[in-house]
Amino acid sequence: MNEPHQGEFCITSENDIVMARKVVRDAATALGFGITDVTRIVTAASELTRNIYHYAKSGVMHWRSLNQDARVGLELTFEDSGPGIVDLEKAMEMGFSTGKGLGMGLPGVKRLMDELVIESTVGKGTTVVVRKWLKK
């Protein structure tokens, strides 16, 4: 795969959660991920899109294919200008929730993906980058 595939998707409504899932499913499938990994990637994307809609009301998801050191992968970046995460360490603990959820969100995303990087500034917003690598 020589040509990178990439795109951007705006998140502004609850319906965008479903649309983001479709975009990510199509991108992961096109890169050759199997059904189990596609499901993992779509689940992670769904959670991160839901977080943007629930906590920040709007944001954007960027996706791009990766081709590094003969490895192929998919990178998803979720950005918002919401309230930010007050205690990132606490937010990564299983069972912790600032909403009415089960607290599986960010820790669950970390388990589903190969890489997770979060940058958040209170009052300015949050950026979450996740990557999944195609297994040979």
Protein backbone atom coordinates (compact mmCIF):
# COMPACT_ATOMS: atom_id res chain seq x y z
CA MET A 1 0.00 0.00 0.00
CA ASN A 2 1.78 3.11 -1.22
CA GLU A 3 -0.92 5.76 -1.15
CA PRO A 4 -2.13 6.91 2.27
CA HIS A 5 -5.86 6.96 2.89
CA GLN A 6 -7.09 9.71 5.14
CA GLY A 7 -10.07 11.83 5.95
CA GLU A 8 -11.94 13.93 8.43
CA PHE A 9 -15.38 13.64 9.98
CA CYS A 10 -17.16 16.35 11.99
CA ILE A 11 -19.04 15.30 15.12
CA THR A 12 -21.97 17.55 15.95
CA SER A 13 -24.94 15.26 16.68
CA GLU A 14 -25.80 11.92 18.22
CA ASN A 15 -26.36 10.54 14.70
CA ASP A 16 -22.69 11.20 13.97
CA ILE A 17 -21.78 8.35 16.34
CA VAL A 18 -23.35 5.89 13.89
CA MET A 19 -21.79 7.63 10.88
CA ALA A 20 -18.33 7.64 12.50
CA ARG A 21 -18.66 3.89 13.07
CA LYS A 22 -19.37 3.37 9.36
CA VAL A 23 -16.45 5.58 8.25
CA VAL A 24 -14.04 3.73 10.55
CA ARG A 25 -15.41 0.29 9.59
CA ASP A 26 -14.89 1.10 5.90
CA ALA A 27 -11.35 2.42 6.49
CA ALA A 28 -10.30 -0.57 8.63
CA THR A 29 -11.78 -3.06 6.18
CA ALA A 30 -10.04 -1.36 3.23
CA LEU A 31 -6.70 -1.72 5.02
CA GLY A 32 -7.22 -5.46 5.41
CA PHE A 33 -8.09 -5.79 9.10
CA GLY A 34 -10.00 -8.95 10.00
CA ILE A 35 -13.49 -8.87 11.47
CA THR A 36 -12.28 -9.09 15.10
CA ASP A 37 -9.90 -6.15 14.77
CA VAL A 38 -12.44 -4.16 12.72
CA THR A 39 -14.92 -4.67 15.58
CA ARG A 40 -12.32 -3.53 18.14
CA ILE A 41 -11.45 -0.41 16.13
CA VAL A 42 -15.11 0.47 15.50
CA THR A 43 -15.95 0.00 19.20
CA ALA A 44 -13.09 2.28 20.25
CA ALA A 45 -14.10 4.91 17.68
CA SER A 46 -17.71 4.72 18.82
CA GLU A 47 -16.71 5.34 22.44
CA LEU A 48 -14.44 8.27 21.58
CA THR A 49 -17.07 9.83 19.29
CA ARG A 50 -19.68 9.42 22.02
CA ASN A 51 -17.32 11.11 24.51
CA ILE A 52 -16.93 14.12 22.19
CA TYR A 53 -20.67 14.43 21.69
CA HIS A 54 -21.50 13.91 25.37
CA TYR A 55 -18.82 16.06 26.98
CA ALA A 56 -17.81 18.64 24.35
CA LYS A 57 -20.93 18.71 22.11
CA SER A 58 -18.79 18.86 18.94
CA GLY A 59 -15.41 17.95 17.58
CA VAL A 60 -13.69 16.20 14.74
CA MET A 61 -12.31 12.75 13.97
CA HIS A 62 -9.38 12.40 11.60
CA TRP A 63 -8.28 9.06 10.24
CA ARG A 64 -5.28 8.01 8.21
CA SER A 65 -3.58 4.86 7.12
CA LEU A 66 -0.08 4.22 8.44
CA ASN A 67 2.80 2.51 6.68
CA GLN A 68 5.84 2.44 8.95
CA ASP A 69 8.73 -0.02 8.94
CA ALA A 70 6.76 -2.46 6.73
CA ARG A 71 3.82 -2.27 9.15
CA VAL A 72 0.37 -1.16 8.10
CA GLY A 73 -2.01 0.45 10.55
CA LEU A 74 -4.87 2.82 11.12
CA GLU A 75 -4.62 6.00 13.19
CA LEU A 76 -7.69 7.80 14.51
CA THR A 77 -7.45 11.25 16.10
CA PHE A 78 -10.36 12.74 18.04
CA GLU A 79 -10.21 16.47 18.85
CA ASP A 80 -12.58 18.73 20.71
CA SER A 81 -12.63 22.16 22.34
CA GLY A 82 -14.66 20.97 25.31
CA PRO A 83 -14.08 21.24 29.04
CA GLY A 84 -11.05 18.92 29.05
CA ILE A 85 -10.34 16.09 31.47
CA VAL A 86 -9.65 17.31 35.01
CA ASP A 87 -7.81 14.19 36.22
CA LEU A 88 -6.49 12.13 33.31
CA GLU A 89 -4.92 9.51 35.57
CA LYS A 90 -8.26 8.96 37.33
CA ALA A 91 -10.11 8.91 33.98
CA MET A 92 -7.90 5.98 32.91
CA GLU A 93 -8.97 3.90 35.93
CA MET A 94 -11.50 1.17 35.20
CA GLY A 95 -14.82 2.03 36.82
CA PHE A 96 -14.25 5.80 37.09
CA SER A 97 -16.89 7.96 35.42
CA THR A 98 -17.75 11.65 35.55
CA GLY A 99 -21.06 10.86 33.88
CA LYS A 100 -23.58 8.09 34.39
CA GLY A 101 -21.54 5.46 32.55
CA LEU A 102 -19.82 2.37 33.82
CA GLY A 103 -16.36 3.91 33.59
CA MET A 104 -15.25 1.51 30.86
CA GLY A 105 -14.69 4.22 28.20
CA LEU A 106 -11.07 5.31 28.06
CA PRO A 107 -9.65 2.20 29.78
CA GLY A 108 -11.71 0.07 27.39
CA VAL A 109 -10.40 2.00 24.38
CA LYS A 110 -6.85 1.44 25.63
CA ARG A 111 -7.46 -2.32 25.80
CA LEU A 112 -9.01 -2.44 22.32
CA MET A 113 -6.26 -0.54 20.51
CA ASP A 114 -2.50 -1.03 20.25
CA GLU A 115 -1.59 2.57 21.12
CA LEU A 116 -3.37 5.40 22.94
CA VAL A 117 -2.17 8.96 23.57
CA ILE A 118 -4.32 11.57 25.31
CA GLU A 119 -3.62 15.27 25.69
CA SER A 120 -6.15 17.33 27.60
CA THR A 121 -6.19 20.86 28.96
CA VAL A 122 -9.00 21.92 31.28
CA GLY A 123 -11.04 24.62 29.60
CA LYS A 124 -9.39 24.10 26.20
CA GLY A 125 -10.20 20.58 25.07
CA THR A 126 -8.95 17.07 24.52
CA THR A 127 -7.11 15.21 21.77
CA VAL A 128 -7.06 11.42 21.74
CA VAL A 129 -4.93 9.48 19.24
CA VAL A 130 -5.36 5.72 18.87
CA ARG A 131 -3.58 3.30 16.56
CA LYS A 132 -4.15 -0.30 15.56
CA TRP A 133 -1.54 -2.25 13.62
CA LEU A 134 -2.35 -4.97 11.11
CA LYS A 135 -1.03 -8.32 12.33
CA LYS A 136 1.05 -10.21 9.80
